[in-house]
Protein backbone atom coordinates (compact mmCIF):
# COMPACT_ATOMS: atom_id res chain seq x y z
CA MET A 1 75.97 280.57 -48.24
CA PRO A 2 78.70 277.89 -48.25
CA ASP A 3 78.67 275.27 -50.94
CA VAL A 4 77.10 272.02 -49.81
CA PRO A 5 78.20 268.87 -51.57
CA THR A 6 75.35 267.25 -53.39
CA SER A 7 74.78 263.67 -54.37
CA PRO A 8 73.41 262.63 -57.69
CA PRO A 9 69.63 262.13 -57.74
CA ALA A 10 68.65 258.71 -56.47
CA ARG A 11 66.81 256.39 -58.78
CA PRO A 12 63.07 256.15 -58.05
CA MET A 13 63.36 252.47 -57.09
CA ARG A 14 66.17 253.15 -54.61
CA ARG A 15 64.20 256.07 -53.15
CA THR A 16 61.10 253.87 -52.74
CA ALA A 17 63.17 251.21 -51.02
CA PHE A 18 64.67 253.84 -48.73
CA VAL A 19 61.23 255.21 -47.79
CA LEU A 20 59.87 251.72 -47.11
CA GLY A 21 62.92 250.92 -45.05
CA ALA A 22 62.47 254.08 -43.00
CA VAL A 23 58.82 253.24 -42.40
CA LEU A 24 59.75 249.73 -41.23
CA VAL A 25 62.48 251.03 -38.94
CA GLY A 26 60.07 253.61 -37.52
CA ALA A 27 57.52 250.91 -36.89
CA VAL A 28 60.08 248.75 -35.12
CA ILE A 29 61.23 251.68 -32.98
CA GLY A 30 57.62 252.59 -32.21
CA TYR A 31 56.84 249.01 -31.19
CA ALA A 32 59.96 248.88 -29.03
CA GLY A 33 58.92 252.12 -27.33
CA VAL A 34 55.44 250.80 -26.61
CA ALA A 35 56.84 247.49 -25.38
CA SER A 36 59.27 249.34 -23.13
CA PHE A 37 56.42 251.46 -21.73
CA MET A 38 54.32 248.35 -21.15
CA ASP A 39 57.25 246.76 -19.32
CA ARG A 40 57.32 249.74 -16.97
CA ALA A 41 53.55 249.83 -16.50
CA PRO A 42 51.95 247.83 -13.67
CA SER A 43 51.33 244.30 -14.87
CA GLY A 44 48.08 242.55 -14.06
CA ASP A 45 48.38 239.97 -11.29
CA PRO A 46 45.67 237.28 -11.42
CA LEU A 47 45.95 237.06 -7.63
CA CYS A 48 44.50 240.57 -7.48
CA GLN A 49 41.34 239.95 -9.50
CA PRO A 50 39.26 239.58 -6.29
CA ALA A 51 40.45 243.06 -5.23
CA VAL A 52 39.13 244.51 -8.49
CA ALA A 53 35.81 242.76 -7.96
CA LEU A 54 35.67 244.09 -4.40
CA SER A 55 36.54 247.59 -5.63
CA LYS A 56 33.60 247.48 -8.02
CA LYS A 57 31.26 246.56 -5.18
CA LEU A 58 32.65 249.35 -3.00
CA ALA A 59 32.46 252.04 -5.70
CA PRO A 60 28.97 253.27 -4.65
CA LEU A 61 30.37 253.89 -1.15
CA ALA A 62 33.12 256.19 -2.44
CA ARG A 63 31.15 259.36 -1.77
CA GLY A 64 31.01 262.29 0.60
CA GLU A 65 34.27 262.54 2.56
CA VAL A 66 35.89 259.77 0.48
CA ALA A 67 34.50 260.73 -2.93
CA ALA A 68 38.04 261.44 -4.17
CA LEU A 69 39.01 257.76 -3.94
CA THR A 70 39.99 256.19 -7.25
CA MET A 71 38.75 252.62 -7.25
CA ALA A 72 40.94 249.91 -8.74
CA THR A 73 39.84 248.83 -12.22
CA ALA A 74 42.82 246.60 -13.05
CA PRO A 75 44.62 244.04 -10.87
CA LEU A 76 47.68 245.54 -9.18
CA LYS A 77 49.79 244.03 -6.46
CA LEU A 78 51.68 246.75 -4.63
CA PRO A 79 55.46 246.60 -4.22
CA ASP A 80 56.48 245.03 -0.91
CA LEU A 81 57.33 248.40 0.63
CA ALA A 82 60.19 248.29 3.15
CA PHE A 83 60.55 250.73 6.06
CA MET A 84 61.32 250.87 9.80
CA ASP A 85 59.17 250.79 12.92
CA GLY A 86 59.54 253.02 15.97
CA GLU A 87 62.26 250.78 17.38
CA GLY A 88 64.30 250.92 14.20
CA GLN A 89 63.37 247.37 13.23
CA PRO A 90 62.76 246.56 9.55
CA LYS A 91 59.17 246.11 8.43
CA LYS A 92 57.56 245.26 5.11
CA LEU A 93 54.06 245.71 3.78
CA SER A 94 53.82 241.92 3.54
CA ASP A 95 54.01 241.76 7.35
CA TRP A 96 50.30 242.69 7.26
CA ARG A 97 49.21 239.96 4.85
CA GLY A 98 45.74 238.73 5.76
CA LYS A 99 44.62 242.19 6.89
CA THR A 100 42.97 245.04 5.05
CA VAL A 101 45.51 247.86 5.24
CA LEU A 102 45.35 251.60 4.64
CA VAL A 103 48.87 252.57 3.61
CA ASN A 104 49.47 256.28 4.09
CA LEU A 105 52.56 258.33 3.26
CA TRP A 106 53.02 261.52 5.25
CA ALA A 107 55.64 264.09 6.25
CA THR A 108 55.80 266.94 8.75
CA TRP A 109 56.58 269.44 5.97
CA CYS A 110 53.28 268.50 4.29
CA VAL A 111 50.49 270.68 5.72
CA PRO A 112 47.59 268.51 4.44
CA CYS A 113 49.37 265.47 5.92
CA ARG A 114 49.54 267.04 9.38
CA LYS A 115 45.85 267.98 9.24
CA GLU A 116 44.92 264.44 8.17
CA MET A 117 46.83 262.59 10.91
CA PRO A 118 44.24 262.98 13.71
CA ALA A 119 41.59 261.36 11.50
CA LEU A 120 43.95 258.49 10.68
CA ASP A 121 44.69 258.07 14.38
CA GLU A 122 40.96 257.98 15.13
CA LEU A 123 40.37 255.48 12.33
CA GLN A 124 43.02 253.18 13.77
CA GLY A 125 41.40 253.49 17.19
CA LYS A 126 37.96 252.58 15.81
CA LEU A 127 38.79 249.79 13.37
CA GLY A 128 42.38 248.74 14.03
CA GLY A 129 42.74 245.12 15.09
CA ALA A 130 42.89 241.60 13.68
CA ASP A 131 41.33 242.54 10.32
CA PHE A 132 42.49 246.10 9.68
CA GLU A 133 45.49 248.37 10.20
CA VAL A 134 46.47 251.92 9.34
CA VAL A 135 50.12 251.81 8.29
CA ALA A 136 51.15 255.47 8.16
CA ILE A 137 54.75 255.78 6.92
CA ASN A 138 56.62 259.01 7.56
CA ILE A 139 59.06 260.07 4.83
CA ASP A 140 60.86 262.99 6.51
CA THR A 141 64.46 262.75 5.31
CA ARG A 142 66.24 264.99 7.83
CA ASP A 143 65.25 265.16 11.49
CA ALA A 144 64.08 261.71 12.60
CA GLN A 145 62.81 263.09 15.91
CA LYS A 146 60.53 265.70 14.37
CA PRO A 147 57.75 263.34 13.22
CA LYS A 148 57.86 261.47 16.53
CA ALA A 149 57.51 264.77 18.39
CA PHE A 150 54.61 265.74 16.12
CA LEU A 151 52.69 262.57 16.97
CA LYS A 152 53.44 262.93 20.67
CA ASP A 153 52.46 266.60 20.82
CA GLY A 154 49.22 265.83 19.00
CA ASN A 155 48.47 262.91 21.33
CA LEU A 156 48.26 260.62 18.30
CA ALA A 157 49.06 257.45 20.19
CA LYS A 158 46.84 254.92 18.40
CA LEU A 159 48.91 254.91 15.24
CA GLY A 160 52.05 252.81 15.09
CA TYR A 161 55.15 254.78 14.09
CA PHE A 162 56.71 253.77 10.79
CA ALA A 163 59.30 255.68 8.78
CA ASP A 164 61.45 255.59 5.66
CA SER A 165 64.06 258.35 5.82
CA SER A 166 65.13 257.56 2.24
CA ALA A 167 61.56 258.17 0.96
CA LYS A 168 62.04 255.12 -1.25
CA VAL A 169 58.48 254.00 -0.46
CA PHE A 170 57.20 257.11 -2.23
CA GLN A 171 59.32 256.38 -5.29
CA GLU A 172 58.12 252.77 -5.39
CA LEU A 173 54.47 253.81 -5.28
CA LYS A 174 55.20 256.52 -7.83
CA GLY A 175 56.77 253.85 -10.03
CA VAL A 176 53.42 252.04 -10.25
CA GLY A 177 51.49 255.28 -10.69
CA ARG A 178 50.09 255.40 -7.16
CA ALA A 179 51.97 258.36 -5.65
CA LEU A 180 51.66 261.73 -7.37
CA GLY A 181 51.91 263.99 -4.31
CA MET A 182 51.49 264.11 -0.56
CA PRO A 183 49.65 262.76 1.27
CA THR A 184 49.01 259.54 -0.62
CA SER A 185 46.89 256.67 0.68
CA VAL A 186 46.26 253.22 -0.79
CA LEU A 187 43.64 250.80 0.52
CA VAL A 188 45.07 247.30 0.20
CA ASP A 189 43.46 243.89 0.60
CA GLY A 190 44.81 240.90 2.52
CA ARG A 191 46.84 239.76 -0.49
CA GLY A 192 48.62 243.08 -0.91
CA CYS A 193 46.44 244.15 -3.84
CA GLU A 194 45.11 247.65 -4.50
CA ILE A 195 41.45 248.28 -3.71
CA ALA A 196 41.50 252.07 -4.02
CA THR A 197 43.91 255.01 -4.02
CA ILE A 198 43.59 258.66 -3.10
CA ALA A 199 45.96 261.51 -3.87
CA GLY A 200 45.43 264.07 -1.13
CA PRO A 201 43.84 264.07 2.33
CA ALA A 202 40.55 262.55 3.41
CA GLU A 203 38.42 262.66 6.55
CA TRP A 204 39.21 259.08 7.49
CA ALA A 205 37.21 259.07 10.73
CA SER A 206 34.00 260.16 8.96
CA GLU A 207 30.97 257.90 8.63
CA ASP A 208 31.58 257.75 4.88
CA ALA A 209 35.10 256.43 5.36
CA LEU A 210 34.15 254.02 8.15
CA LYS A 211 31.35 252.53 6.09
CA LEU A 212 33.57 251.96 3.07
CA ILE A 213 36.46 250.47 5.04
CA LYS A 214 34.17 248.18 7.04
CA ALA A 215 32.79 246.87 3.75
CA ALA A 216 36.36 246.38 2.47
CA MET A 217 37.18 244.37 5.60
CA LYS A 218 34.36 241.83 5.15
CA PRO A 219 36.28 239.43 2.85
CA VAL A 220 39.18 239.40 5.32
CA ALA A 221 36.87 238.80 8.27
CA ALA A 222 35.29 235.94 6.32
CA GLY A 223 38.70 234.44 5.66
CA LEU A 224 38.58 235.05 1.91
């Protein structure tokens, strides 16, 4: 074993000071880490308090086919997601301010997404209008024609076509803890605030889903 240089034993007072210093440094580092995490975490937006109150009222309706919904318990304004429409024109989530919106992320390589699309199309046909919209955003990153062909072949004509070939919208929702896999859907109020989120597919044309979304639309219809 090679010789290792040794230092003379430290005096007890110096050792105590060193230990206290290490504890203080550790505390500062720990606080900085927590502060950094809090900076990255979604911050509460007072504008979104009504969405939390609405979510609480809707919670008893999150059952049956939409039992997997996670209702908002803290105010969260979603990022102003940017994507393209079917004509290649830029769109943002804020373009639907004043409406209740179901934001859905889907891709043709996602089997549950493909199975869910007919129900989303039917939901848009039943409730889409002045107070509600399904905004289904495709995130295929390769063949831009493939998702269009999928919708056409499935006769899913009620949904508007929206796409983000960079899949940045997924990363933005992931950044606020609202996209863990595909498909992902977020129910948003007229101010752009989260009402509820679901990771995975749902039967959106079911009576359970229709009842919940109609109740979510009432504040918008009332001009609140």
